[in-house]
Amino acid sequence: MAKKKAAGKTLRVTLVKSPIGYTKRQKATVRALGLRRMNHTVEHVDSPALRGMLTKVSHLIRVVEE
């Protein structure tokens, strides 16, 4: 699967801790980020809305700026 890189900074987000036992809202945020299972990594273009989502579940994920 080839993805075109958009202009701007790209963030690589990895789920490192299970959302089991956390609120429905945090689980929904993890799913909205596209994370399906442990150690699953997705890439997103940096935006203020994305940064807000990452802040809400920062204890469950690892973020690498590229």
C-alpha atoms as a PDB file:
ATOM      1  CA  MET A   1       0.000   0.000   0.000  1.00  0.00           C
ATOM      2  CA  ALA A   2       1.658   3.137  -1.193  1.00  0.00           C
ATOM      3  CA  LYS A   3       0.635   6.355   0.532  1.00  0.00           C
ATOM      4  CA  LYS A   4       1.281   9.786  -0.848  1.00  0.00           C
ATOM      5  CA  LYS A   5       2.969  12.043   1.670  1.00  0.00           C
ATOM      6  CA  ALA A   6       1.125  15.302   2.122  1.00  0.00           C
ATOM      7  CA  ALA A   7       2.931  18.574   2.579  1.00  0.00           C
ATOM      8  CA  GLY A   8       3.676  19.270   6.220  1.00  0.00           C
ATOM      9  CA  LYS A   9       4.840  17.305   9.204  1.00  0.00           C
ATOM     10  CA  THR A  10       3.851  13.663   9.572  1.00  0.00           C
ATOM     11  CA  LEU A  11       3.271  11.975  12.920  1.00  0.00           C
ATOM     12  CA  ARG A  12       3.652   8.245  13.460  1.00  0.00           C
ATOM     13  CA  VAL A  13       1.295   7.070  16.225  1.00  0.00           C
ATOM     14  CA  THR A  14       1.615   3.632  17.897  1.00  0.00           C
ATOM     15  CA  LEU A  15      -0.747   2.064  20.424  1.00  0.00           C
ATOM     16  CA  VAL A  16       1.471   0.812  23.272  1.00  0.00           C
ATOM     17  CA  LYS A  17      -1.105   0.252  26.028  1.00  0.00           C
ATOM     18  CA  SER A  18      -4.546  -1.325  25.802  1.00  0.00           C
ATOM     19  CA  PRO A  19      -7.562   0.975  26.171  1.00  0.00           C
ATOM     20  CA  ILE A  20      -9.389  -1.765  28.110  1.00  0.00           C
ATOM     21  CA  GLY A  21     -10.451  -0.353  31.456  1.00  0.00           C
ATOM     22  CA  TYR A  22     -10.523   3.255  30.251  1.00  0.00           C
ATOM     23  CA  THR A  23     -13.547   5.381  29.410  1.00  0.00           C
ATOM     24  CA  LYS A  24     -15.648   4.893  26.279  1.00  0.00           C
ATOM     25  CA  ARG A  25     -14.559   8.325  25.150  1.00  0.00           C
ATOM     26  CA  GLN A  26     -10.861   7.380  25.278  1.00  0.00           C
ATOM     27  CA  LYS A  27     -11.569   4.088  23.478  1.00  0.00           C
ATOM     28  CA  ALA A  28     -13.427   6.018  20.770  1.00  0.00           C
ATOM     29  CA  THR A  29     -10.500   8.416  20.390  1.00  0.00           C
ATOM     30  CA  VAL A  30      -8.075   5.515  19.915  1.00  0.00           C
ATOM     31  CA  ARG A  31     -10.359   4.028  17.248  1.00  0.00           C
ATOM     32  CA  ALA A  32     -10.762   7.418  15.552  1.00  0.00           C
ATOM     33  CA  LEU A  33      -6.983   7.613  15.284  1.00  0.00           C
ATOM     34  CA  GLY A  34      -7.153   4.375  13.284  1.00  0.00           C
ATOM     35  CA  LEU A  35      -5.479   2.210  15.923  1.00  0.00           C
ATOM     36  CA  ARG A  36      -6.946  -1.292  16.001  1.00  0.00           C
ATOM     37  CA  ARG A  37      -4.640  -3.426  18.135  1.00  0.00           C
ATOM     38  CA  MET A  38      -1.539  -3.286  20.306  1.00  0.00           C
ATOM     39  CA  ASN A  39       1.646  -2.137  18.522  1.00  0.00           C
ATOM     40  CA  HIS A  40      -0.410  -0.982  15.517  1.00  0.00           C
ATOM     41  CA  THR A  41       1.151   2.097  13.904  1.00  0.00           C
ATOM     42  CA  VAL A  42      -0.552   4.687  11.716  1.00  0.00           C
ATOM     43  CA  GLU A  43       0.653   7.916  10.119  1.00  0.00           C
ATOM     44  CA  HIS A  44      -1.252  11.197  10.261  1.00  0.00           C
ATOM     45  CA  VAL A  45      -0.593  14.702   8.974  1.00  0.00           C
ATOM     46  CA  ASP A  46      -0.056  17.091  11.868  1.00  0.00           C
ATOM     47  CA  SER A  47      -2.980  19.388  12.726  1.00  0.00           C
ATOM     48  CA  PRO A  48      -4.381  21.082  15.827  1.00  0.00           C
ATOM     49  CA  ALA A  49      -7.349  18.678  15.933  1.00  0.00           C
ATOM     50  CA  LEU A  50      -5.019  15.674  15.788  1.00  0.00           C
ATOM     51  CA  ARG A  51      -2.806  17.123  18.530  1.00  0.00           C
ATOM     52  CA  GLY A  52      -5.867  17.452  20.781  1.00  0.00           C
ATOM     53  CA  MET A  53      -6.773  13.798  20.215  1.00  0.00           C
ATOM     54  CA  LEU A  54      -3.214  12.706  20.957  1.00  0.00           C
ATOM     55  CA  THR A  55      -3.192  14.702  24.185  1.00  0.00           C
ATOM     56  CA  LYS A  56      -6.366  12.994  25.425  1.00  0.00           C
ATOM     57  CA  VAL A  57      -4.880   9.490  25.045  1.00  0.00           C
ATOM     58  CA  SER A  58      -1.177  10.293  25.537  1.00  0.00           C
ATOM     59  CA  HIS A  59      -0.927   7.644  28.273  1.00  0.00           C
ATOM     60  CA  LEU A  60      -1.867   4.912  25.737  1.00  0.00           C
ATOM     61  CA  ILE A  61       0.207   5.876  22.704  1.00  0.00           C
ATOM     62  CA  ARG A  62       3.711   6.702  21.490  1.00  0.00           C
ATOM     63  CA  VAL A  63       4.164   9.527  18.956  1.00  0.00           C
ATOM     64  CA  VAL A  64       7.161   9.993  16.668  1.00  0.00           C
ATOM     65  CA  GLU A  65       7.485  13.163  14.579  1.00  0.00           C
ATOM     66  CA  GLU A  66       8.848  12.733  11.078  1.00  0.00           C
END
